Amino acid sequence: MKSDAELRIQIRDEITAQLGSRADDLDVQVLRGAVTLTGKLQSEGEKWTLCDAINGMPSVTRLTDDTMVVAETSGRLPNADVARPSFPPE
């Protein structure tokens, strides 16, 4: 069985492999094999894939997923017309 520090390194490596530069958006805590993930992901699919990979690691005894899915936006609404107020004709 791996130590908590070794397991955390293995999990960080998996996160980096899956998310690349966005790996810094997640934090990993490990205590006696129990893993807690916090931070932001861009999709439910990303969340499920990552959790499945971590749950499949032999030294993981439990996974608490406290991540949030936050879609990355350009700061602009997809349809700017939706945000315009509508006034009745005079």
C-alpha atoms as a PDB file:
ATOM      1  CA  MET A   1       0.000   0.000   0.000  1.00  0.00           C
ATOM      2  CA  LYS A   2       1.288   3.469  -0.924  1.00  0.00           C
ATOM      3  CA  SER A   3       1.831   6.222   1.590  1.00  0.00           C
ATOM      4  CA  ASP A   4      -0.506   9.215   1.425  1.00  0.00           C
ATOM      5  CA  ALA A   5       2.282  11.330  -0.069  1.00  0.00           C
ATOM      6  CA  GLU A   6       2.987   8.742  -2.785  1.00  0.00           C
ATOM      7  CA  LEU A   7      -0.716   8.403  -3.562  1.00  0.00           C
ATOM      8  CA  ARG A   8      -1.122  12.184  -3.788  1.00  0.00           C
ATOM      9  CA  ILE A   9       1.759  12.328  -6.284  1.00  0.00           C
ATOM     10  CA  GLN A  10       0.172   9.542  -8.365  1.00  0.00           C
ATOM     11  CA  ILE A  11      -3.182  11.365  -8.360  1.00  0.00           C
ATOM     12  CA  ARG A  12      -1.565  14.713  -9.271  1.00  0.00           C
ATOM     13  CA  ASP A  13       0.190  12.944 -12.172  1.00  0.00           C
ATOM     14  CA  GLU A  14      -3.165  11.559 -13.378  1.00  0.00           C
ATOM     15  CA  ILE A  15      -4.803  14.974 -13.110  1.00  0.00           C
ATOM     16  CA  THR A  16      -1.950  16.561 -15.070  1.00  0.00           C
ATOM     17  CA  ALA A  17      -2.179  13.839 -17.731  1.00  0.00           C
ATOM     18  CA  GLN A  18      -5.908  14.476 -18.169  1.00  0.00           C
ATOM     19  CA  LEU A  19      -6.125  18.238 -17.731  1.00  0.00           C
ATOM     20  CA  GLY A  20      -2.700  19.533 -18.730  1.00  0.00           C
ATOM     21  CA  SER A  21      -2.181  23.135 -17.651  1.00  0.00           C
ATOM     22  CA  ARG A  22      -5.610  23.239 -15.980  1.00  0.00           C
ATOM     23  CA  ALA A  23      -4.410  20.706 -13.370  1.00  0.00           C
ATOM     24  CA  ASP A  24      -3.639  23.635 -11.083  1.00  0.00           C
ATOM     25  CA  ASP A  25      -7.400  24.282 -10.843  1.00  0.00           C
ATOM     26  CA  LEU A  26      -7.730  21.189  -8.601  1.00  0.00           C
ATOM     27  CA  ASP A  27      -6.499  20.460  -5.109  1.00  0.00           C
ATOM     28  CA  VAL A  28      -5.926  16.945  -3.759  1.00  0.00           C
ATOM     29  CA  GLN A  29      -5.901  15.911  -0.118  1.00  0.00           C
ATOM     30  CA  VAL A  30      -5.144  12.359   1.005  1.00  0.00           C
ATOM     31  CA  LEU A  31      -5.570  10.961   4.509  1.00  0.00           C
ATOM     32  CA  ARG A  32      -5.069   7.216   5.075  1.00  0.00           C
ATOM     33  CA  GLY A  33      -6.072   6.493   1.470  1.00  0.00           C
ATOM     34  CA  ALA A  34      -9.196   8.682   1.560  1.00  0.00           C
ATOM     35  CA  VAL A  35      -8.971  11.251  -1.233  1.00  0.00           C
ATOM     36  CA  THR A  36     -10.740  14.611  -1.377  1.00  0.00           C
ATOM     37  CA  LEU A  37     -10.798  16.592  -4.624  1.00  0.00           C
ATOM     38  CA  THR A  38     -11.705  20.283  -4.696  1.00  0.00           C
ATOM     39  CA  GLY A  39     -11.591  22.864  -7.453  1.00  0.00           C
ATOM     40  CA  LYS A  40     -13.078  23.527 -10.866  1.00  0.00           C
ATOM     41  CA  LEU A  41     -13.576  21.363 -13.930  1.00  0.00           C
ATOM     42  CA  GLN A  42     -15.008  22.326 -17.317  1.00  0.00           C
ATOM     43  CA  SER A  43     -17.490  19.484 -17.868  1.00  0.00           C
ATOM     44  CA  GLU A  44     -19.332  16.612 -16.222  1.00  0.00           C
ATOM     45  CA  GLY A  45     -17.507  14.236 -18.568  1.00  0.00           C
ATOM     46  CA  GLU A  46     -14.161  15.522 -17.365  1.00  0.00           C
ATOM     47  CA  LYS A  47     -15.332  15.050 -13.772  1.00  0.00           C
ATOM     48  CA  TRP A  48     -16.523  11.456 -14.339  1.00  0.00           C
ATOM     49  CA  THR A  49     -13.403  10.427 -16.237  1.00  0.00           C
ATOM     50  CA  LEU A  50     -11.108  11.803 -13.550  1.00  0.00           C
ATOM     51  CA  CYS A  51     -13.095  10.264 -10.681  1.00  0.00           C
ATOM     52  CA  ASP A  52     -13.158   6.867 -12.421  1.00  0.00           C
ATOM     53  CA  ALA A  53      -9.366   6.962 -12.852  1.00  0.00           C
ATOM     54  CA  ILE A  54      -8.795   7.893  -9.199  1.00  0.00           C
ATOM     55  CA  ASN A  55     -11.287   5.312  -7.892  1.00  0.00           C
ATOM     56  CA  GLY A  56      -9.413   2.682  -9.922  1.00  0.00           C
ATOM     57  CA  MET A  57      -6.155   3.284  -8.079  1.00  0.00           C
ATOM     58  CA  PRO A  58      -5.466   0.378  -5.683  1.00  0.00           C
ATOM     59  CA  SER A  59      -4.499   2.496  -2.658  1.00  0.00           C
ATOM     60  CA  VAL A  60      -7.605   4.721  -2.796  1.00  0.00           C
ATOM     61  CA  THR A  61     -10.033   3.700  -0.044  1.00  0.00           C
ATOM     62  CA  ARG A  62     -12.602   6.446  -0.626  1.00  0.00           C
ATOM     63  CA  LEU A  63     -13.070   9.442  -2.930  1.00  0.00           C
ATOM     64  CA  THR A  64     -14.916  12.594  -1.932  1.00  0.00           C
ATOM     65  CA  ASP A  65     -15.507  14.717  -5.003  1.00  0.00           C
ATOM     66  CA  ASP A  66     -16.079  18.348  -4.020  1.00  0.00           C
ATOM     67  CA  THR A  67     -15.260  19.720  -7.474  1.00  0.00           C
ATOM     68  CA  MET A  68     -17.512  22.131  -9.336  1.00  0.00           C
ATOM     69  CA  VAL A  69     -18.231  22.123 -13.052  1.00  0.00           C
ATOM     70  CA  VAL A  70     -17.770  25.631 -14.372  1.00  0.00           C
ATOM     71  CA  ALA A  71     -17.997  26.148 -18.110  1.00  0.00           C
ATOM     72  CA  GLU A  72     -15.286  28.424 -19.387  1.00  0.00           C
ATOM     73  CA  THR A  73     -16.727  31.436 -21.203  1.00  0.00           C
ATOM     74  CA  SER A  74     -15.281  34.220 -23.241  1.00  0.00           C
ATOM     75  CA  GLY A  75     -17.081  36.763 -21.075  1.00  0.00           C
ATOM     76  CA  ARG A  76     -19.780  37.180 -23.710  1.00  0.00           C
ATOM     77  CA  LEU A  77     -23.205  35.589 -23.751  1.00  0.00           C
ATOM     78  CA  PRO A  78     -23.695  33.013 -26.517  1.00  0.00           C
ATOM     79  CA  ASN A  79     -26.607  35.055 -27.853  1.00  0.00           C
ATOM     80  CA  ALA A  80     -26.192  38.736 -27.000  1.00  0.00           C
ATOM     81  CA  ASP A  81     -29.806  39.423 -28.051  1.00  0.00           C
ATOM     82  CA  VAL A  82     -31.040  37.481 -25.037  1.00  0.00           C
ATOM     83  CA  ALA A  83     -29.590  40.082 -22.696  1.00  0.00           C
ATOM     84  CA  ARG A  84     -31.228  43.079 -24.365  1.00  0.00           C
ATOM     85  CA  PRO A  85     -34.252  44.491 -22.585  1.00  0.00           C
ATOM     86  CA  SER A  86     -37.506  44.616 -24.477  1.00  0.00           C
ATOM     87  CA  PHE A  87     -39.659  47.732 -24.194  1.00  0.00           C
ATOM     88  CA  PRO A  88     -43.214  48.011 -25.504  1.00  0.00           C
ATOM     89  CA  PRO A  89     -43.686  50.339 -28.497  1.00  0.00           C
ATOM     90  CA  GLU A  90     -44.853  53.857 -27.702  1.00  0.00           C
END
